[in-house]
Amino acid sequence: MQHPLHAPQAHHAMRAVLDLLPGLPVMDGAIDLEAADGQRIQHLASELDSLIELIHRAVAAIGHLLMLAAQAASDGELNSHALAGLGRLLAELGDLAVWATVVNAHCQHLNGNAPLGGEG
């Protein structure tokens, strides 16, 4: 079985989300999902689902690599700047996953697929 991060004809979820964002309405400097077209919201929600899954798989893969690299780090063979860089990347990916999850929940709510904020 091929690893999902290396699937042929890989879907570029982050690029798809970034391509959709400029077409969304903005109010007071923030995306106004409630004013957006229903099809665009549904498409955005689908791409956010893919992006969230990709982030979780990527963070897990990096975590696995860090476990394997722990010995090299303790022996001083691994550059501390590389570890710090990975830490910053993981923090940014975590922030992106949170943002994507919040926006996706709002999209799902607007599509009638899920309650938002305990409504229902």
PDB file of N, CA and C in Angstrom:
ATOM      1  N   MET A   1       0.848  -1.187   0.000  1.00  0.00           N
ATOM      2  CA  MET A   1       0.000   0.000   0.000  1.00  0.00           C
ATOM      3  C   MET A   1       0.889   1.244   0.000  1.00  0.00           C
ATOM      4  N   GLN A   2       0.556   2.174  -0.850  1.00  0.00           N
ATOM      5  CA  GLN A   2       1.340   3.389  -0.971  1.00  0.00           C
ATOM      6  C   GLN A   2       0.962   4.384   0.115  1.00  0.00           C
ATOM      7  N   HIS A   3       1.950   5.069   0.646  1.00  0.00           N
ATOM      8  CA  HIS A   3       1.724   6.058   1.703  1.00  0.00           C
ATOM      9  C   HIS A   3       0.896   7.212   1.135  1.00  0.00           C
ATOM     10  N   PRO A   4      -0.124   7.697   1.882  1.00  0.00           N
ATOM     11  CA  PRO A   4      -1.012   8.747   1.366  1.00  0.00           C
ATOM     12  C   PRO A   4      -0.328  10.057   1.027  1.00  0.00           C
ATOM     13  N   LEU A   5       0.818  10.355   1.643  1.00  0.00           N
ATOM     14  CA  LEU A   5       1.518  11.603   1.316  1.00  0.00           C
ATOM     15  C   LEU A   5       2.224  11.514  -0.032  1.00  0.00           C
ATOM     16  N   HIS A   6       2.370  10.281  -0.546  1.00  0.00           N
ATOM     17  CA  HIS A   6       3.081  10.088  -1.803  1.00  0.00           C
ATOM     18  C   HIS A   6       2.176   9.506  -2.867  1.00  0.00           C
ATOM     19  N   ALA A   7       0.897   9.768  -2.785  1.00  0.00           N
ATOM     20  CA  ALA A   7      -0.051   9.240  -3.753  1.00  0.00           C
ATOM     21  C   ALA A   7       0.191   9.873  -5.119  1.00  0.00           C
ATOM     22  N   PRO A   8       0.037   9.085  -6.189  1.00  0.00           N
ATOM     23  CA  PRO A   8       0.188   9.675  -7.524  1.00  0.00           C
ATOM     24  C   PRO A   8      -0.906  10.710  -7.757  1.00  0.00           C
ATOM     25  N   GLN A   9      -0.595  11.705  -8.563  1.00  0.00           N
ATOM     26  CA  GLN A   9      -1.520  12.784  -8.870  1.00  0.00           C
ATOM     27  C   GLN A   9      -2.060  13.410  -7.583  1.00  0.00           C
ATOM     28  N   ALA A  10      -1.159  13.714  -6.674  1.00  0.00           N
ATOM     29  CA  ALA A  10      -1.532  14.247  -5.365  1.00  0.00           C
ATOM     30  C   ALA A  10      -2.369  15.516  -5.512  1.00  0.00           C
ATOM     31  N   HIS A  11      -3.376  15.608  -4.701  1.00  0.00           N
ATOM     32  CA  HIS A  11      -4.235  16.788  -4.647  1.00  0.00           C
ATOM     33  C   HIS A  11      -3.539  17.830  -3.771  1.00  0.00           C
ATOM     34  N   HIS A  12      -3.480  19.034  -4.204  1.00  0.00           N
ATOM     35  CA  HIS A  12      -2.817  20.100  -3.463  1.00  0.00           C
ATOM     36  C   HIS A  12      -3.868  20.908  -2.710  1.00  0.00           C
ATOM     37  N   ALA A  13      -4.248  20.417  -1.540  1.00  0.00           N
ATOM     38  CA  ALA A  13      -5.342  20.999  -0.770  1.00  0.00           C
ATOM     39  C   ALA A  13      -5.050  22.440  -0.349  1.00  0.00           C
ATOM     40  N   MET A  14      -3.827  22.709   0.101  1.00  0.00           N
ATOM     41  CA  MET A  14      -3.518  24.067   0.553  1.00  0.00           C
ATOM     42  C   MET A  14      -3.616  25.047  -0.616  1.00  0.00           C
ATOM     43  N   ARG A  15      -3.092  24.654  -1.755  1.00  0.00           N
ATOM     44  CA  ARG A  15      -3.169  25.513  -2.935  1.00  0.00           C
ATOM     45  C   ARG A  15      -4.629  25.740  -3.334  1.00  0.00           C
ATOM     46  N   ALA A  16      -5.441  24.690  -3.250  1.00  0.00           N
ATOM     47  CA  ALA A  16      -6.860  24.821  -3.603  1.00  0.00           C
ATOM     48  C   ALA A  16      -7.571  25.795  -2.663  1.00  0.00           C
ATOM     49  N   VAL A  17      -7.277  25.697  -1.363  1.00  0.00           N
ATOM     50  CA  VAL A  17      -7.887  26.622  -0.399  1.00  0.00           C
ATOM     51  C   VAL A  17      -7.425  28.050  -0.686  1.00  0.00           C
ATOM     52  N   LEU A  18      -6.139  28.225  -0.923  1.00  0.00           N
ATOM     53  CA  LEU A  18      -5.615  29.567  -1.206  1.00  0.00           C
ATOM     54  C   LEU A  18      -6.198  30.138  -2.493  1.00  0.00           C
ATOM     55  N   ASP A  19      -6.462  29.275  -3.476  1.00  0.00           N
ATOM     56  CA  ASP A  19      -7.084  29.739  -4.717  1.00  0.00           C
ATOM     57  C   ASP A  19      -8.522  30.186  -4.499  1.00  0.00           C
ATOM     58  N   LEU A  20      -9.224  29.553  -3.557  1.00  0.00           N
ATOM     59  CA  LEU A  20     -10.625  29.892  -3.301  1.00  0.00           C
ATOM     60  C   LEU A  20     -10.784  31.172  -2.473  1.00  0.00           C
ATOM     61  N   LEU A  21      -9.842  31.460  -1.601  1.00  0.00           N
ATOM     62  CA  LEU A  21      -9.994  32.584  -0.677  1.00  0.00           C
ATOM     63  C   LEU A  21     -10.218  33.934  -1.345  1.00  0.00           C
ATOM     64  N   PRO A  22      -9.492  34.287  -2.409  1.00  0.00           N
ATOM     65  CA  PRO A  22      -9.719  35.618  -3.003  1.00  0.00           C
ATOM     66  C   PRO A  22     -11.122  35.803  -3.581  1.00  0.00           C
ATOM     67  N   GLY A  23     -11.817  34.737  -3.877  1.00  0.00           N
ATOM     68  CA  GLY A  23     -13.160  34.841  -4.436  1.00  0.00           C
ATOM     69  C   GLY A  23     -14.253  34.962  -3.392  1.00  0.00           C
ATOM     70  N   LEU A  24     -13.879  34.960  -2.124  1.00  0.00           N
ATOM     71  CA  LEU A  24     -14.871  35.062  -1.050  1.00  0.00           C
ATOM     72  C   LEU A  24     -15.106  36.523  -0.686  1.00  0.00           C
ATOM     73  N   PRO A  25     -16.346  36.856  -0.333  1.00  0.00           N
ATOM     74  CA  PRO A  25     -16.625  38.232   0.072  1.00  0.00           C
ATOM     75  C   PRO A  25     -15.948  38.583   1.395  1.00  0.00           C
ATOM     76  N   VAL A  26     -15.613  39.847   1.538  1.00  0.00           N
ATOM     77  CA  VAL A  26     -14.938  40.330   2.743  1.00  0.00           C
ATOM     78  C   VAL A  26     -15.758  41.467   3.329  1.00  0.00           C
ATOM     79  N   MET A  27     -15.871  41.448   4.667  1.00  0.00           N
ATOM     80  CA  MET A  27     -16.536  42.544   5.360  1.00  0.00           C
ATOM     81  C   MET A  27     -15.685  42.910   6.563  1.00  0.00           C
ATOM     82  N   ASP A  28     -15.363  44.174   6.699  1.00  0.00           N
ATOM     83  CA  ASP A  28     -14.538  44.666   7.804  1.00  0.00           C
ATOM     84  C   ASP A  28     -13.217  43.906   7.913  1.00  0.00           C
ATOM     85  N   GLY A  29     -12.621  43.583   6.776  1.00  0.00           N
ATOM     86  CA  GLY A  29     -11.317  42.932   6.749  1.00  0.00           C
ATOM     87  C   GLY A  29     -11.327  41.450   7.035  1.00  0.00           C
ATOM     88  N   ALA A  30     -12.496  40.831   7.169  1.00  0.00           N
ATOM     89  CA  ALA A  30     -12.584  39.397   7.440  1.00  0.00           C
ATOM     90  C   ALA A  30     -13.470  38.728   6.393  1.00  0.00           C
ATOM     91  N   ILE A  31     -13.210  37.462   6.160  1.00  0.00           N
ATOM     92  CA  ILE A  31     -14.036  36.704   5.217  1.00  0.00           C
ATOM     93  C   ILE A  31     -15.468  36.658   5.737  1.00  0.00           C
ATOM     94  N   ASP A  32     -16.401  36.964   4.858  1.00  0.00           N
ATOM     95  CA  ASP A  32     -17.822  36.929   5.204  1.00  0.00           C
ATOM     96  C   ASP A  32     -18.447  35.698   4.554  1.00  0.00           C
ATOM     97  N   LEU A  33     -18.351  34.562   5.229  1.00  0.00           N
ATOM     98  CA  LEU A  33     -18.860  33.313   4.673  1.00  0.00           C
ATOM     99  C   LEU A  33     -20.367  33.343   4.471  1.00  0.00           C
ATOM    100  N   GLU A  34     -21.058  34.087   5.304  1.00  0.00           N
ATOM    101  CA  GLU A  34     -22.520  34.142   5.190  1.00  0.00           C
ATOM    102  C   GLU A  34     -22.969  34.820   3.903  1.00  0.00           C
ATOM    103  N   ALA A  35     -22.128  35.669   3.326  1.00  0.00           N
ATOM    104  CA  ALA A  35     -22.470  36.354   2.082  1.00  0.00           C
ATOM    105  C   ALA A  35     -21.949  35.601   0.858  1.00  0.00           C
ATOM    106  N   ALA A  36     -21.247  34.501   1.065  1.00  0.00           N
ATOM    107  CA  ALA A  36     -20.641  33.760  -0.039  1.00  0.00           C
ATOM    108  C   ALA A  36     -21.652  32.841  -0.711  1.00  0.00           C
ATOM    109  N   ASP A  37     -21.376  32.520  -1.949  1.00  0.00           N
ATOM    110  CA  ASP A  37     -22.177  31.593  -2.734  1.00  0.00           C
ATOM    111  C   ASP A  37     -22.132  30.192  -2.103  1.00  0.00           C
ATOM    112  N   GLY A  38     -23.286  29.535  -2.066  1.00  0.00           N
ATOM    113  CA  GLY A  38     -23.386  28.216  -1.442  1.00  0.00           C
ATOM    114  C   GLY A  38     -22.469  27.175  -2.057  1.00  0.00           C
ATOM    115  N   GLN A  39     -22.320  27.177  -3.384  1.00  0.00           N
ATOM    116  CA  GLN A  39     -21.429  26.212  -4.035  1.00  0.00           C
ATOM    117  C   GLN A  39     -19.970  26.468  -3.658  1.00  0.00           C
ATOM    118  N   ARG A  40     -19.605  27.747  -3.568  1.00  0.00           N
ATOM    119  CA  ARG A  40     -18.228  28.088  -3.189  1.00  0.00           C
ATOM    120  C   ARG A  40     -17.959  27.637  -1.750  1.00  0.00           C
ATOM    121  N   ILE A  41     -18.949  27.827  -0.875  1.00  0.00           N
ATOM    122  CA  ILE A  41     -18.809  27.404   0.522  1.00  0.00           C
ATOM    123  C   ILE A  41     -18.638  25.890   0.590  1.00  0.00           C
ATOM    124  N   GLN A  42     -19.444  25.173  -0.180  1.00  0.00           N
ATOM    125  CA  GLN A  42     -19.348  23.711  -0.192  1.00  0.00           C
ATOM    126  C   GLN A  42     -17.988  23.262  -0.724  1.00  0.00           C
ATOM    127  N   HIS A  43     -17.511  23.910  -1.775  1.00  0.00           N
ATOM    128  CA  HIS A  43     -16.194  23.588  -2.330  1.00  0.00           C
ATOM    129  C   HIS A  43     -15.088  23.890  -1.314  1.00  0.00           C
ATOM    130  N   LEU A  44     -15.190  25.036  -0.661  1.00  0.00           N
ATOM    131  CA  LEU A  44     -14.207  25.403   0.361  1.00  0.00           C
ATOM    132  C   LEU A  44     -14.204  24.384   1.496  1.00  0.00           C
ATOM    133  N   ALA A  45     -15.387  23.970   1.948  1.00  0.00           N
ATOM    134  CA  ALA A  45     -15.469  22.983   3.028  1.00  0.00           C
ATOM    135  C   ALA A  45     -14.797  21.678   2.619  1.00  0.00           C
ATOM    136  N   SER A  46     -15.004  21.253   1.403  1.00  0.00           N
ATOM    137  CA  SER A  46     -14.386  20.017   0.915  1.00  0.00           C
ATOM    138  C   SER A  46     -12.863  20.140   0.878  1.00  0.00           C
ATOM    139  N   GLU A  47     -12.381  21.272   0.386  1.00  0.00           N
ATOM    140  CA  GLU A  47     -10.930  21.484   0.327  1.00  0.00           C
ATOM    141  C   GLU A  47     -10.336  21.602   1.732  1.00  0.00           C
ATOM    142  N   LEU A  48     -11.061  22.230   2.652  1.00  0.00           N
ATOM    143  CA  LEU A  48     -10.588  22.328   4.035  1.00  0.00           C
ATOM    144  C   LEU A  48     -10.523  20.952   4.686  1.00  0.00           C
ATOM    145  N   ASP A  49     -11.493  20.087   4.399  1.00  0.00           N
ATOM    146  CA  ASP A  49     -11.430  18.707   4.897  1.00  0.00           C
ATOM    147  C   ASP A  49     -10.131  18.039   4.449  1.00  0.00           C
ATOM    148  N   SER A  50      -9.813  18.196   3.164  1.00  0.00           N
ATOM    149  CA  SER A  50      -8.582  17.606   2.624  1.00  0.00           C
ATOM    150  C   SER A  50      -7.345  18.214   3.269  1.00  0.00           C
ATOM    151  N   LEU A  51      -7.364  19.534   3.453  1.00  0.00           N
ATOM    152  CA  LEU A  51      -6.222  20.219   4.056  1.00  0.00           C
ATOM    153  C   LEU A  51      -6.012  19.771   5.497  1.00  0.00           C
ATOM    154  N   ILE A  52      -7.081  19.672   6.257  1.00  0.00           N
ATOM    155  CA  ILE A  52      -6.978  19.250   7.660  1.00  0.00           C
ATOM    156  C   ILE A  52      -6.411  17.836   7.744  1.00  0.00           C
ATOM    157  N   GLU A  53      -6.897  16.945   6.888  1.00  0.00           N
ATOM    158  CA  GLU A  53      -6.378  15.567   6.879  1.00  0.00           C
ATOM    159  C   GLU A  53      -4.894  15.556   6.519  1.00  0.00           C
ATOM    160  N   LEU A  54      -4.519  16.347   5.514  1.00  0.00           N
ATOM    161  CA  LEU A  54      -3.115  16.422   5.105  1.00  0.00           C
ATOM    162  C   LEU A  54      -2.234  16.927   6.243  1.00  0.00           C
ATOM    163  N   ILE A  55      -2.674  17.953   6.942  1.00  0.00           N
ATOM    164  CA  ILE A  55      -1.887  18.506   8.043  1.00  0.00           C
ATOM    165  C   ILE A  55      -1.703  17.454   9.133  1.00  0.00           C
ATOM    166  N   HIS A  56      -2.784  16.759   9.489  1.00  0.00           N
ATOM    167  CA  HIS A  56      -2.666  15.744  10.531  1.00  0.00           C
ATOM    168  C   HIS A  56      -1.706  14.628  10.130  1.00  0.00           C
ATOM    169  N   ARG A  57      -1.786  14.190   8.883  1.00  0.00           N
ATOM    170  CA  ARG A  57      -0.878  13.135   8.410  1.00  0.00           C
ATOM    171  C   ARG A  57       0.572  13.631   8.377  1.00  0.00           C
ATOM    172  N   ALA A  58       0.761  14.875   7.937  1.00  0.00           N
ATOM    173  CA  ALA A  58       2.115  15.428   7.853  1.00  0.00           C
ATOM    174  C   ALA A  58       2.723  15.599   9.241  1.00  0.00           C
ATOM    175  N   VAL A  59       1.943  16.108  10.188  1.00  0.00           N
ATOM    176  CA  VAL A  59       2.454  16.277  11.553  1.00  0.00           C
ATOM    177  C   VAL A  59       2.799  14.921  12.150  1.00  0.00           C
ATOM    178  N   ALA A  60       1.971  13.913  11.911  1.00  0.00           N
ATOM    179  CA  ALA A  60       2.271  12.570  12.405  1.00  0.00           C
ATOM    180  C   ALA A  60       3.557  12.031  11.783  1.00  0.00           C
ATOM    181  N   ALA A  61       3.744  12.262  10.493  1.00  0.00           N
ATOM    182  CA  ALA A  61       4.956  11.789   9.817  1.00  0.00           C
ATOM    183  C   ALA A  61       6.195  12.496  10.371  1.00  0.00           C
ATOM    184  N   ILE A  62       6.095  13.799  10.589  1.00  0.00           N
ATOM    185  CA  ILE A  62       7.226  14.535  11.163  1.00  0.00           C
ATOM    186  C   ILE A  62       7.514  14.040  12.575  1.00  0.00           C
ATOM    187  N   GLY A  63       6.464  13.800  13.348  1.00  0.00           N
ATOM    188  CA  GLY A  63       6.651  13.255  14.691  1.00  0.00           C
ATOM    189  C   GLY A  63       7.370  11.923  14.663  1.00  0.00           C
ATOM    190  N   HIS A  64       7.005  11.077  13.719  1.00  0.00           N
ATOM    191  CA  HIS A  64       7.666   9.773  13.583  1.00  0.00           C
ATOM    192  C   HIS A  64       9.147   9.960  13.247  1.00  0.00           C
ATOM    193  N   LEU A  65       9.437  10.862  12.322  1.00  0.00           N
ATOM    194  CA  LEU A  65      10.836  11.137  11.969  1.00  0.00           C
ATOM    195  C   LEU A  65      11.614  11.690  13.159  1.00  0.00           C
ATOM    196  N   LEU A  66      10.984  12.537  13.945  1.00  0.00           N
ATOM    197  CA  LEU A  66      11.661  13.093  15.119  1.00  0.00           C
ATOM    198  C   LEU A  66      11.965  11.999  16.142  1.00  0.00           C
ATOM    199  N   MET A  67      11.053  11.046  16.282  1.00  0.00           N
ATOM    200  CA  MET A  67      11.338   9.930  17.194  1.00  0.00           C
ATOM    201  C   MET A  67      12.557   9.152  16.715  1.00  0.00           C
ATOM    202  N   LEU A  68      12.634   8.923  15.405  1.00  0.00           N
ATOM    203  CA  LEU A  68      13.779   8.200  14.854  1.00  0.00           C
ATOM    204  C   LEU A  68      15.062   9.014  14.976  1.00  0.00           C
ATOM    205  N   ALA A  69      14.943  10.339  14.930  1.00  0.00           N
ATOM    206  CA  ALA A  69      16.115  11.210  14.993  1.00  0.00           C
ATOM    207  C   ALA A  69      16.537  11.530  16.421  1.00  0.00           C
ATOM    208  N   ALA A  70      15.793  11.068  17.401  1.00  0.00           N
ATOM    209  CA  ALA A  70      16.100  11.411  18.793  1.00  0.00           C
ATOM    210  C   ALA A  70      17.511  10.994  19.183  1.00  0.00           C
ATOM    211  N   GLN A  71      17.938   9.824  18.758  1.00  0.00           N
ATOM    212  CA  GLN A  71      19.283   9.359  19.095  1.00  0.00           C
ATOM    213  C   GLN A  71      20.340  10.268  18.481  1.00  0.00           C
ATOM    214  N   ALA A  72      20.139  10.649  17.231  1.00  0.00           N
ATOM    215  CA  ALA A  72      21.096  11.542  16.572  1.00  0.00           C
ATOM    216  C   ALA A  72      21.150  12.884  17.286  1.00  0.00           C
ATOM    217  N   ALA A  73      20.009  13.338  17.781  1.00  0.00           N
ATOM    218  CA  ALA A  73      19.981  14.616  18.495  1.00  0.00           C
ATOM    219  C   ALA A  73      20.727  14.495  19.811  1.00  0.00           C
ATOM    220  N   SER A  74      20.544  13.384  20.519  1.00  0.00           N
ATOM    221  CA  SER A  74      21.226  13.231  21.804  1.00  0.00           C
ATOM    222  C   SER A  74      22.731  13.051  21.622  1.00  0.00           C
ATOM    223  N   ASP A  75      23.144  12.529  20.479  1.00  0.00           N
ATOM    224  CA  ASP A  75      24.575  12.373  20.192  1.00  0.00           C
ATOM    225  C   ASP A  75      25.192  13.648  19.628  1.00  0.00           C
ATOM    226  N   GLY A  76      24.384  14.660  19.408  1.00  0.00           N
ATOM    227  CA  GLY A  76      24.883  15.911  18.856  1.00  0.00           C
ATOM    228  C   GLY A  76      25.070  15.881  17.353  1.00  0.00           C
ATOM    229  N   GLU A  77      24.574  14.837  16.705  1.00  0.00           N
ATOM    230  CA  GLU A  77      24.727  14.712  15.255  1.00  0.00           C
ATOM    231  C   GLU A  77      23.676  15.505  14.486  1.00  0.00           C
ATOM    232  N   LEU A  78      22.635  15.933  15.171  1.00  0.00           N
ATOM    233  CA  LEU A  78      21.553  16.661  14.520  1.00  0.00           C
ATOM    234  C   LEU A  78      21.620  18.115  14.966  1.00  0.00           C
ATOM    235  N   ASN A  79      21.600  19.009  14.023  1.00  0.00           N
ATOM    236  CA  ASN A  79      21.700  20.431  14.268  1.00  0.00           C
ATOM    237  C   ASN A  79      20.489  20.921  15.069  1.00  0.00           C
ATOM    238  N   SER A  80      20.745  21.638  16.157  1.00  0.00           N
ATOM    239  CA  SER A  80      19.642  22.153  16.976  1.00  0.00           C
ATOM    240  C   SER A  80      18.788  23.157  16.207  1.00  0.00           C
ATOM    241  N   HIS A  81      19.381  23.840  15.232  1.00  0.00           N
ATOM    242  CA  HIS A  81      18.609  24.783  14.415  1.00  0.00           C
ATOM    243  C   HIS A  81      17.585  24.036  13.558  1.00  0.00           C
ATOM    244  N   ALA A  82      17.945  22.840  13.112  1.00  0.00           N
ATOM    245  CA  ALA A  82      17.000  22.025  12.342  1.00  0.00           C
ATOM    246  C   ALA A  82      15.822  21.626  13.210  1.00  0.00           C
ATOM    247  N   LEU A  83      16.086  21.252  14.446  1.00  0.00           N
ATOM    248  CA  LEU A  83      15.009  20.883  15.361  1.00  0.00           C
ATOM    249  C   LEU A  83      14.125  22.085  15.687  1.00  0.00           C
ATOM    250  N   ALA A  84      14.751  23.241  15.876  1.00  0.00           N
ATOM    251  CA  ALA A  84      13.977  24.457  16.148  1.00  0.00           C
ATOM    252  C   ALA A  84      13.107  24.812  14.948  1.00  0.00           C
ATOM    253  N   GLY A  85      13.658  24.662  13.747  1.00  0.00           N
ATOM    254  CA  GLY A  85      12.891  24.922  12.533  1.00  0.00           C
ATOM    255  C   GLY A  85      11.695  23.991  12.406  1.00  0.00           C
ATOM    256  N   LEU A  86      11.904  22.724  12.730  1.00  0.00           N
ATOM    257  CA  LEU A  86      10.787  21.780  12.705  1.00  0.00           C
ATOM    258  C   LEU A  86       9.742  22.140  13.757  1.00  0.00           C
ATOM    259  N   GLY A  87      10.200  22.598  14.904  1.00  0.00           N
ATOM    260  CA  GLY A  87       9.266  23.025  15.941  1.00  0.00           C
ATOM    261  C   GLY A  87       8.410  24.190  15.489  1.00  0.00           C
ATOM    262  N   ARG A  88       9.045  25.159  14.838  1.00  0.00           N
ATOM    263  CA  ARG A  88       8.293  26.309  14.318  1.00  0.00           C
ATOM    264  C   ARG A  88       7.306  25.875  13.237  1.00  0.00           C
ATOM    265  N   LEU A  89       7.743  24.960  12.359  1.00  0.00           N
ATOM    266  CA  LEU A  89       6.861  24.455  11.317  1.00  0.00           C
ATOM    267  C   LEU A  89       5.660  23.733  11.930  1.00  0.00           C
ATOM    268  N   LEU A  90       5.897  22.905  12.929  1.00  0.00           N
ATOM    269  CA  LEU A  90       4.795  22.189  13.578  1.00  0.00           C
ATOM    270  C   LEU A  90       3.833  23.166  14.248  1.00  0.00           C
ATOM    271  N   ALA A  91       4.358  24.217  14.873  1.00  0.00           N
ATOM    272  CA  ALA A  91       3.492  25.227  15.492  1.00  0.00           C
ATOM    273  C   ALA A  91       2.633  25.924  14.435  1.00  0.00           C
ATOM    274  N   GLU A  92       3.229  26.278  13.304  1.00  0.00           N
ATOM    275  CA  GLU A  92       2.474  26.925  12.229  1.00  0.00           C
ATOM    276  C   GLU A  92       1.432  25.972  11.646  1.00  0.00           C
ATOM    277  N   LEU A  93       1.811  24.715  11.453  1.00  0.00           N
ATOM    278  CA  LEU A  93       0.845  23.737  10.938  1.00  0.00           C
ATOM    279  C   LEU A  93      -0.308  23.541  11.919  1.00  0.00           C
ATOM    280  N   GLY A  94       0.000  23.555  13.208  1.00  0.00           N
ATOM    281  CA  GLY A  94      -1.053  23.451  14.214  1.00  0.00           C
ATOM    282  C   GLY A  94      -1.999  24.631  14.149  1.00  0.00           C
ATOM    283  N   ASP A  95      -1.448  25.834  14.017  1.00  0.00           N
ATOM    284  CA  ASP A  95      -2.287  27.038  13.891  1.00  0.00           C
ATOM    285  C   ASP A  95      -3.136  26.983  12.623  1.00  0.00           C
ATOM    286  N   LEU A  96      -2.545  26.517  11.521  1.00  0.00           N
ATOM    287  CA  LEU A  96      -3.286  26.393  10.268  1.00  0.00           C
ATOM    288  C   LEU A  96      -4.411  25.372  10.403  1.00  0.00           C
ATOM    289  N   ALA A  97      -4.140  24.270  11.079  1.00  0.00           N
ATOM    290  CA  ALA A  97      -5.174  23.238  11.278  1.00  0.00           C
ATOM    291  C   ALA A  97      -6.328  23.787  12.106  1.00  0.00           C
ATOM    292  N   VAL A  98      -6.027  24.564  13.134  1.00  0.00           N
ATOM    293  CA  VAL A  98      -7.089  25.167  13.954  1.00  0.00           C
ATOM    294  C   VAL A  98      -7.920  26.122  13.107  1.00  0.00           C
ATOM    295  N   TRP A  99      -7.264  27.010  12.347  1.00  0.00           N
ATOM    296  CA  TRP A  99      -7.984  27.947  11.486  1.00  0.00           C
ATOM    297  C   TRP A  99      -8.862  27.192  10.491  1.00  0.00           C
ATOM    298  N   ALA A 100      -8.286  26.171   9.841  1.00  0.00           N
ATOM    299  CA  ALA A 100      -9.038  25.410   8.843  1.00  0.00           C
ATOM    300  C   ALA A 100     -10.230  24.709   9.471  1.00  0.00           C
ATOM    301  N   THR A 101     -10.075  24.196  10.680  1.00  0.00           N
ATOM    302  CA  THR A 101     -11.168  23.509  11.366  1.00  0.00           C
ATOM    303  C   THR A 101     -12.290  24.489  11.706  1.00  0.00           C
ATOM    304  N   VAL A 102     -11.940  25.677  12.185  1.00  0.00           N
ATOM    305  CA  VAL A 102     -12.954  26.683  12.536  1.00  0.00           C
ATOM    306  C   VAL A 102     -13.703  27.147  11.283  1.00  0.00           C
ATOM    307  N   VAL A 103     -12.976  27.456  10.224  1.00  0.00           N
ATOM    308  CA  VAL A 103     -13.626  27.904   8.987  1.00  0.00           C
ATOM    309  C   VAL A 103     -14.471  26.773   8.401  1.00  0.00           C
ATOM    310  N   ASN A 104     -13.956  25.549   8.440  1.00  0.00           N
ATOM    311  CA  ASN A 104     -14.701  24.403   7.921  1.00  0.00           C
ATOM    312  C   ASN A 104     -15.995  24.206   8.711  1.00  0.00           C
ATOM    313  N   ALA A 105     -15.945  24.342  10.028  1.00  0.00           N
ATOM    314  CA  ALA A 105     -17.151  24.192  10.848  1.00  0.00           C
ATOM    315  C   ALA A 105     -18.187  25.239  10.456  1.00  0.00           C
ATOM    316  N   HIS A 106     -17.732  26.463  10.196  1.00  0.00           N
ATOM    317  CA  HIS A 106     -18.650  27.518   9.779  1.00  0.00           C
ATOM    318  C   HIS A 106     -19.248  27.186   8.411  1.00  0.00           C
ATOM    319  N   CYS A 107     -18.419  26.702   7.495  1.00  0.00           N
ATOM    320  CA  CYS A 107     -18.911  26.316   6.167  1.00  0.00           C
ATOM    321  C   CYS A 107     -19.941  25.195   6.282  1.00  0.00           C
ATOM    322  N   GLN A 108     -19.626  24.196   7.097  1.00  0.00           N
ATOM    323  CA  GLN A 108     -20.548  23.068   7.280  1.00  0.00           C
ATOM    324  C   GLN A 108     -21.872  23.557   7.860  1.00  0.00           C
ATOM    325  N   HIS A 109     -21.788  24.469   8.810  1.00  0.00           N
ATOM    326  CA  HIS A 109     -22.999  25.033   9.418  1.00  0.00           C
ATOM    327  C   HIS A 109     -23.847  25.765   8.364  1.00  0.00           C
ATOM    328  N   LEU A 110     -23.183  26.582   7.545  1.00  0.00           N
ATOM    329  CA  LEU A 110     -23.902  27.322   6.514  1.00  0.00           C
ATOM    330  C   LEU A 110     -24.523  26.397   5.479  1.00  0.00           C
ATOM    331  N   ASN A 111     -23.903  25.228   5.257  1.00  0.00           N
ATOM    332  CA  ASN A 111     -24.454  24.250   4.335  1.00  0.00           C
ATOM    333  C   ASN A 111     -25.510  23.368   4.972  1.00  0.00           C
ATOM    334  N   GLY A 112     -25.781  23.604   6.270  1.00  0.00           N
ATOM    335  CA  GLY A 112     -26.790  22.801   6.965  1.00  0.00           C
ATOM    336  C   GLY A 112     -26.313  21.419   7.344  1.00  0.00           C
ATOM    337  N   ASN A 113     -24.992  21.209   7.374  1.00  0.00           N
ATOM    338  CA  ASN A 113     -24.448  19.882   7.656  1.00  0.00           C
ATOM    339  C   ASN A 113     -24.092  19.660   9.114  1.00  0.00           C
ATOM    340  N   ALA A 114     -23.931  20.736   9.875  1.00  0.00           N
ATOM    341  CA  ALA A 114     -23.507  20.563  11.262  1.00  0.00           C
ATOM    342  C   ALA A 114     -23.879  21.805  12.073  1.00  0.00           C
ATOM    343  N   PRO A 115     -24.187  21.625  13.336  1.00  0.00           N
ATOM    344  CA  PRO A 115     -24.452  22.786  14.192  1.00  0.00           C
ATOM    345  C   PRO A 115     -23.164  23.530  14.493  1.00  0.00           C
ATOM    346  N   LEU A 116     -23.266  24.808  14.727  1.00  0.00           N
ATOM    347  CA  LEU A 116     -22.116  25.632  15.100  1.00  0.00           C
ATOM    348  C   LEU A 116     -22.382  26.237  16.459  1.00  0.00           C
ATOM    349  N   GLY A 117     -21.456  26.099  17.363  1.00  0.00           N
ATOM    350  CA  GLY A 117     -21.576  26.700  18.680  1.00  0.00           C
ATOM    351  C   GLY A 117     -22.690  26.134  19.517  1.00  0.00           C
ATOM    352  N   GLY A 118     -22.955  24.830  19.381  1.00  0.00           N
ATOM    353  CA  GLY A 118     -23.942  24.174  20.210  1.00  0.00           C
ATOM    354  C   GLY A 118     -25.379  24.378  19.776  1.00  0.00           C
ATOM    355  N   GLU A 119     -25.587  25.016  18.618  1.00  0.00           N
ATOM    356  CA  GLU A 119     -26.948  25.184  18.120  1.00  0.00           C
ATOM    357  C   GLU A 119     -27.453  23.843  17.615  1.00  0.00           C
ATOM    358  N   GLY A 120     -28.702  23.692  17.465  1.00  0.00           N
ATOM    359  CA  GLY A 120     -29.169  22.485  16.830  1.00  0.00           C
ATOM    360  C   GLY A 120     -30.477  22.114  17.313  1.00  0.00           C
TER     361      GLY A 120
END
